[in-house]
């Protein structure tokens, strides 16, 4: 049964008992920005909400497999958080391209096309949407065009989408939209590939939470696994309006990261 809107930006909670009972053998996989931390104008300014580290440790104490699957690079996430000290945590960075566990990082060799775009992208962006507030983040394995600091983030993204996508494809890469960003990524990786790698034969339930279109591949994988296996899952969308591209694929919505932490605590009780 689909949850019903309650007028507060949330959908009424489904039964939490199946996921709670399966926690010792469950997978708990979480996005970071917009889920465990508020969205910040600049990525380096973001920080996990108070209590997140302790809550993640509590998740691990149940026996659950714990993963953070983020669009950030692993280096960026570890720099602004203390997640490296959460026992047994697995971190996937750059939408699943990188994998970190116990201090060990697995990542592919950057494709030649990425270096080519690194050189030409600033000029392309300036020609398509000239604005001093647009900036490019180099995550080593991807390039991110940020329009969040401009007066018209969506308008600039619309101008950039065509030429940036064309240049990315020509370089053997792909361009993916996000919240006021356009990211040039290595094809073949997304948050869904991370979920497929994390789910094993012994996984008894899956809990996933995210806030952006980059989480759609993960949600599709979680839902497909639950339908195939008949095992419980709980998928959460964090959205202030109660409606987002994630809503139709999730079981419950909450309006902000703080509300999400409250939900996670309920499951752990």
Protein backbone atom coordinates (compact mmCIF):
# COMPACT_ATOMS: atom_id res chain seq x y z
CA UNK A 1 0.00 0.00 0.00
CA UNK A 2 1.36 3.43 -0.89
CA UNK A 3 1.87 5.83 2.01
CA UNK A 4 -0.54 8.77 2.15
CA UNK A 5 0.50 12.42 2.26
CA UNK A 6 0.04 13.86 5.75
CA UNK A 7 0.36 17.50 4.76
CA UNK A 8 3.74 18.06 6.37
CA UNK A 9 6.06 17.19 3.50
CA UNK A 10 6.18 13.53 4.61
CA UNK A 11 4.29 10.44 3.62
CA UNK A 12 2.97 8.33 6.46
CA UNK A 13 5.40 5.64 7.50
CA UNK A 14 4.90 2.07 6.32
CA UNK A 15 5.47 -0.79 8.73
CA UNK A 16 9.10 -0.57 9.86
CA UNK A 17 9.12 -3.95 11.58
CA UNK A 18 10.26 -6.13 8.63
CA UNK A 19 13.38 -4.05 8.00
CA UNK A 20 14.05 -3.60 11.72
CA UNK A 21 13.82 -7.34 12.35
CA UNK A 22 16.21 -8.07 9.46
CA UNK A 23 18.86 -5.47 10.43
CA UNK A 24 21.56 -7.98 11.51
CA UNK A 25 21.69 -9.22 7.90
CA UNK A 26 20.48 -6.07 6.14
CA UNK A 27 22.16 -3.57 3.83
CA UNK A 28 21.83 0.07 4.89
CA UNK A 29 23.02 2.30 2.03
CA UNK A 30 22.80 6.09 2.24
CA UNK A 31 23.50 9.11 0.10
CA UNK A 32 25.44 11.95 1.77
CA UNK A 33 24.64 15.50 0.54
CA UNK A 34 20.98 16.23 1.16
CA UNK A 35 20.61 13.02 3.19
CA UNK A 36 23.18 12.95 5.99
CA UNK A 37 24.15 16.60 5.50
CA UNK A 38 22.26 19.70 4.35
CA UNK A 39 22.99 20.88 0.82
CA UNK A 40 25.67 23.60 0.92
CA UNK A 41 26.40 26.25 -1.72
CA UNK A 42 29.98 24.95 -1.94
CA UNK A 43 30.84 21.24 -1.42
CA UNK A 44 33.73 22.04 0.93
CA UNK A 45 31.34 23.80 3.31
CA UNK A 46 29.14 20.76 3.91
CA UNK A 47 29.28 18.82 7.17
CA UNK A 48 27.32 15.83 8.47
CA UNK A 49 24.54 16.75 10.86
CA UNK A 50 25.29 16.44 14.56
CA UNK A 51 24.88 12.85 15.68
CA UNK A 52 25.42 11.26 12.27
CA UNK A 53 28.69 9.57 13.21
CA UNK A 54 27.16 7.99 16.32
CA UNK A 55 24.09 6.92 14.36
CA UNK A 56 26.19 5.22 11.70
CA UNK A 57 28.12 3.41 14.43
CA UNK A 58 24.77 2.27 15.87
CA UNK A 59 23.77 0.90 12.45
CA UNK A 60 26.99 -1.10 12.28
CA UNK A 61 26.46 -2.37 15.83
CA UNK A 62 23.30 -4.15 14.67
CA UNK A 63 25.43 -6.25 12.30
CA UNK A 64 24.08 -4.54 9.18
CA UNK A 65 26.28 -3.85 6.18
CA UNK A 66 26.68 -0.05 6.05
CA UNK A 67 27.54 1.91 2.93
CA UNK A 68 27.60 5.58 1.99
CA UNK A 69 27.15 6.01 -1.76
CA UNK A 70 27.91 9.57 -2.78
CA UNK A 71 28.51 11.69 -5.83
CA UNK A 72 31.46 13.23 -4.02
CA UNK A 73 34.92 11.87 -4.45
CA UNK A 74 36.02 9.67 -1.57
CA UNK A 75 38.77 12.15 -0.74
CA UNK A 76 36.20 14.94 -0.45
CA UNK A 77 33.89 12.94 1.81
CA UNK A 78 36.66 11.80 4.12
CA UNK A 79 37.98 15.37 4.32
CA UNK A 80 34.72 16.82 5.66
CA UNK A 81 33.56 13.87 7.77
CA UNK A 82 34.88 11.41 10.32
CA UNK A 83 33.41 8.45 8.46
CA UNK A 84 36.77 6.69 8.17
CA UNK A 85 36.45 5.90 11.89
CA UNK A 86 33.05 4.20 11.56
CA UNK A 87 33.85 0.48 11.97
CA UNK A 88 33.29 -1.55 8.81
CA UNK A 89 31.79 1.23 6.72
CA UNK A 90 32.07 0.97 2.92
CA UNK A 91 32.15 4.19 0.90
CA UNK A 92 31.45 4.50 -2.81
CA UNK A 93 32.52 7.83 -4.32
CA UNK A 94 31.89 9.61 -7.62
CA UNK A 95 28.59 7.77 -8.07
CA UNK A 96 30.12 4.34 -7.61
CA UNK A 97 33.36 4.82 -9.57
CA UNK A 98 35.51 4.66 -6.41
CA UNK A 99 35.22 2.19 -3.54
CA UNK A 100 36.82 2.66 -0.09
CA UNK A 101 36.96 0.07 2.69
CA UNK A 102 39.37 -0.16 5.62
CA UNK A 103 41.60 2.51 4.12
CA UNK A 104 41.90 0.79 0.74
CA UNK A 105 40.64 2.53 -2.41
CA UNK A 106 39.66 0.83 -5.65
CA UNK A 107 39.30 3.03 -8.71
CA UNK A 108 39.71 2.76 -12.49
CA UNK A 109 42.37 4.46 -14.56
CA UNK A 110 41.02 7.84 -15.78
CA UNK A 111 40.09 7.60 -19.47
CA UNK A 112 42.03 9.81 -21.94
CA UNK A 113 38.89 11.74 -22.82
CA UNK A 114 38.67 13.10 -19.30
CA UNK A 115 42.04 14.84 -19.56
CA UNK A 116 41.01 16.29 -22.91
CA UNK A 117 37.84 17.75 -21.43
CA UNK A 118 39.73 19.04 -18.41
CA UNK A 119 41.60 21.32 -20.81
CA UNK A 120 38.74 22.48 -23.01
CA UNK A 121 35.74 22.56 -20.63
CA UNK A 122 36.33 26.04 -19.13
CA UNK A 123 36.25 27.64 -22.58
CA UNK A 124 33.19 25.64 -23.61
CA UNK A 125 31.30 26.64 -20.46
CA UNK A 126 32.23 30.29 -20.88
CA UNK A 127 30.95 30.34 -24.44
CA UNK A 128 27.67 28.57 -23.63
CA UNK A 129 26.74 30.40 -20.42
CA UNK A 130 29.10 33.16 -19.41
CA UNK A 131 28.73 33.87 -15.69
CA UNK A 132 31.56 34.38 -13.21
CA UNK A 133 29.59 32.43 -10.57
CA UNK A 134 29.69 29.20 -12.62
CA UNK A 135 32.62 27.07 -11.53
CA UNK A 136 34.03 23.63 -12.39
CA UNK A 137 34.92 21.10 -9.73
CA UNK A 138 37.62 18.59 -10.66
CA UNK A 139 37.02 15.31 -8.83
CA UNK A 140 39.84 13.53 -10.68
CA UNK A 141 37.45 10.92 -12.10
CA UNK A 142 34.72 13.37 -13.06
CA UNK A 143 34.21 17.07 -13.78
CA UNK A 144 31.27 18.94 -12.25
CA UNK A 145 29.84 22.22 -13.51
CA UNK A 146 28.18 24.09 -10.63
CA UNK A 147 25.55 26.77 -11.29
CA UNK A 148 24.18 26.95 -7.71
CA UNK A 149 25.86 30.29 -6.98
CA UNK A 150 24.37 32.05 -10.02
CA UNK A 151 21.14 34.06 -10.08
CA UNK A 152 19.58 31.57 -12.52
CA UNK A 153 20.97 28.05 -11.83
CA UNK A 154 18.39 26.15 -13.89
CA UNK A 155 18.58 28.57 -16.81
CA UNK A 156 22.34 28.23 -17.03
CA UNK A 157 22.11 24.44 -16.83
CA UNK A 158 19.68 24.45 -19.73
CA UNK A 159 22.14 26.46 -21.84
CA UNK A 160 24.99 24.13 -20.90
CA UNK A 161 23.26 20.77 -21.24
CA UNK A 162 23.45 20.48 -25.03
CA UNK A 163 27.05 21.54 -25.71
CA UNK A 164 28.44 19.83 -22.60
CA UNK A 165 26.66 16.56 -23.39
CA UNK A 166 27.93 16.67 -26.97
CA UNK A 167 31.52 17.25 -25.81
CA UNK A 168 31.27 14.50 -23.18
CA UNK A 169 29.98 11.92 -25.65
CA UNK A 170 32.69 12.85 -28.15
CA UNK A 171 35.26 12.18 -25.41
CA UNK A 172 33.75 8.76 -24.59
CA UNK A 173 32.11 10.04 -21.40
CA UNK A 174 28.60 11.06 -20.38
CA UNK A 175 26.95 14.12 -18.81
CA UNK A 176 24.52 13.62 -15.93
CA UNK A 177 22.32 16.33 -14.41
CA UNK A 178 21.94 16.84 -10.67
CA UNK A 179 20.76 19.55 -8.30
CA UNK A 180 22.07 22.71 -9.99
CA UNK A 181 25.02 20.76 -11.40
CA UNK A 182 25.99 18.99 -14.59
CA UNK A 183 28.55 16.23 -14.12
CA UNK A 184 30.78 14.62 -16.73
CA UNK A 185 31.24 10.99 -15.67
CA UNK A 186 32.87 7.74 -16.72
CA UNK A 187 30.15 5.56 -18.34
CA UNK A 188 29.24 2.22 -16.81
CA UNK A 189 29.16 3.34 -13.19
CA UNK A 190 26.32 4.71 -11.11
CA UNK A 191 24.82 4.20 -7.68
CA UNK A 192 22.94 1.18 -9.02
CA UNK A 193 26.19 -0.63 -9.82
CA UNK A 194 27.27 -0.03 -6.21
CA UNK A 195 24.01 -1.52 -4.90
CA UNK A 196 24.42 -4.60 -7.08
CA UNK A 197 27.89 -5.13 -5.68
CA UNK A 198 26.75 -4.68 -2.08
CA UNK A 199 23.74 -7.00 -2.17
CA UNK A 200 24.65 -10.63 -1.56
CA UNK A 201 22.81 -13.92 -1.26
CA UNK A 202 22.66 -13.44 2.51
CA UNK A 203 21.16 -9.92 2.38
CA UNK A 204 17.88 -10.12 4.29
CA UNK A 205 16.62 -6.55 3.72
CA UNK A 206 17.72 -3.29 2.12
CA UNK A 207 17.29 0.24 3.40
CA UNK A 208 18.21 3.06 1.00
CA UNK A 209 17.86 6.83 1.24
CA UNK A 210 18.71 9.65 -1.15
CA UNK A 211 17.58 13.05 -2.38
CA UNK A 212 18.61 13.57 -6.00
CA UNK A 213 18.28 12.10 -9.49
CA UNK A 214 21.68 10.43 -9.03
CA UNK A 215 19.93 8.10 -6.57
CA UNK A 216 17.44 6.82 -9.16
CA UNK A 217 19.65 3.92 -10.39
CA UNK A 218 20.13 2.74 -6.79
CA UNK A 219 16.41 2.88 -6.07
CA UNK A 220 15.62 0.91 -9.21
CA UNK A 221 18.10 -1.77 -8.16
CA UNK A 222 16.68 -1.95 -4.63
CA UNK A 223 13.11 -2.25 -5.89
CA UNK A 224 14.05 -4.87 -8.47
CA UNK A 225 15.91 -6.91 -5.84
CA UNK A 226 12.94 -6.79 -3.45
CA UNK A 227 10.52 -7.88 -6.19
CA UNK A 228 12.84 -10.68 -7.26
CA UNK A 229 13.72 -11.96 -3.79
CA UNK A 230 10.50 -11.29 -1.92
CA UNK A 231 12.56 -9.80 0.92
CA UNK A 232 11.76 -6.48 2.63
CA UNK A 233 13.10 -3.10 1.63
CA UNK A 234 12.53 0.48 2.66
CA UNK A 235 13.36 3.28 0.23
CA UNK A 236 13.34 6.89 1.40
CA UNK A 237 13.30 10.16 -0.54
CA UNK A 238 14.42 13.36 1.15
CA UNK A 239 12.52 16.23 -0.47
CA UNK A 240 11.19 19.46 1.07
CA UNK A 241 8.19 19.57 -1.25
CA UNK A 242 7.05 15.99 -0.75
CA UNK A 243 7.41 15.40 -4.50
CA UNK A 244 10.53 14.68 -6.54
CA UNK A 245 11.67 12.35 -9.33
CA UNK A 246 12.41 9.84 -6.53
CA UNK A 247 8.92 9.80 -5.04
CA UNK A 248 7.41 7.10 -7.25
CA UNK A 249 10.29 4.74 -6.47
CA UNK A 250 10.30 5.22 -2.70
CA UNK A 251 8.14 4.05 0.20
CA UNK A 252 8.31 7.20 2.31
CA UNK A 253 9.38 10.83 1.96
CA UNK A 254 10.80 13.13 4.61
CA UNK A 255 11.36 16.87 4.18
CA UNK A 256 15.00 17.24 5.26
CA UNK A 257 18.09 15.41 6.55
CA UNK A 258 17.16 16.00 10.20
CA UNK A 259 13.82 14.24 9.65
CA UNK A 260 15.65 11.42 7.92
CA UNK A 261 17.91 10.89 10.94
CA UNK A 262 14.80 10.69 13.12
CA UNK A 263 13.42 7.98 10.84
CA UNK A 264 16.67 6.03 10.97
CA UNK A 265 16.63 6.22 14.77
CA UNK A 266 13.08 4.82 14.77
CA UNK A 267 14.26 1.83 12.78
CA UNK A 268 17.12 1.23 15.19
CA UNK A 269 14.92 1.38 18.30
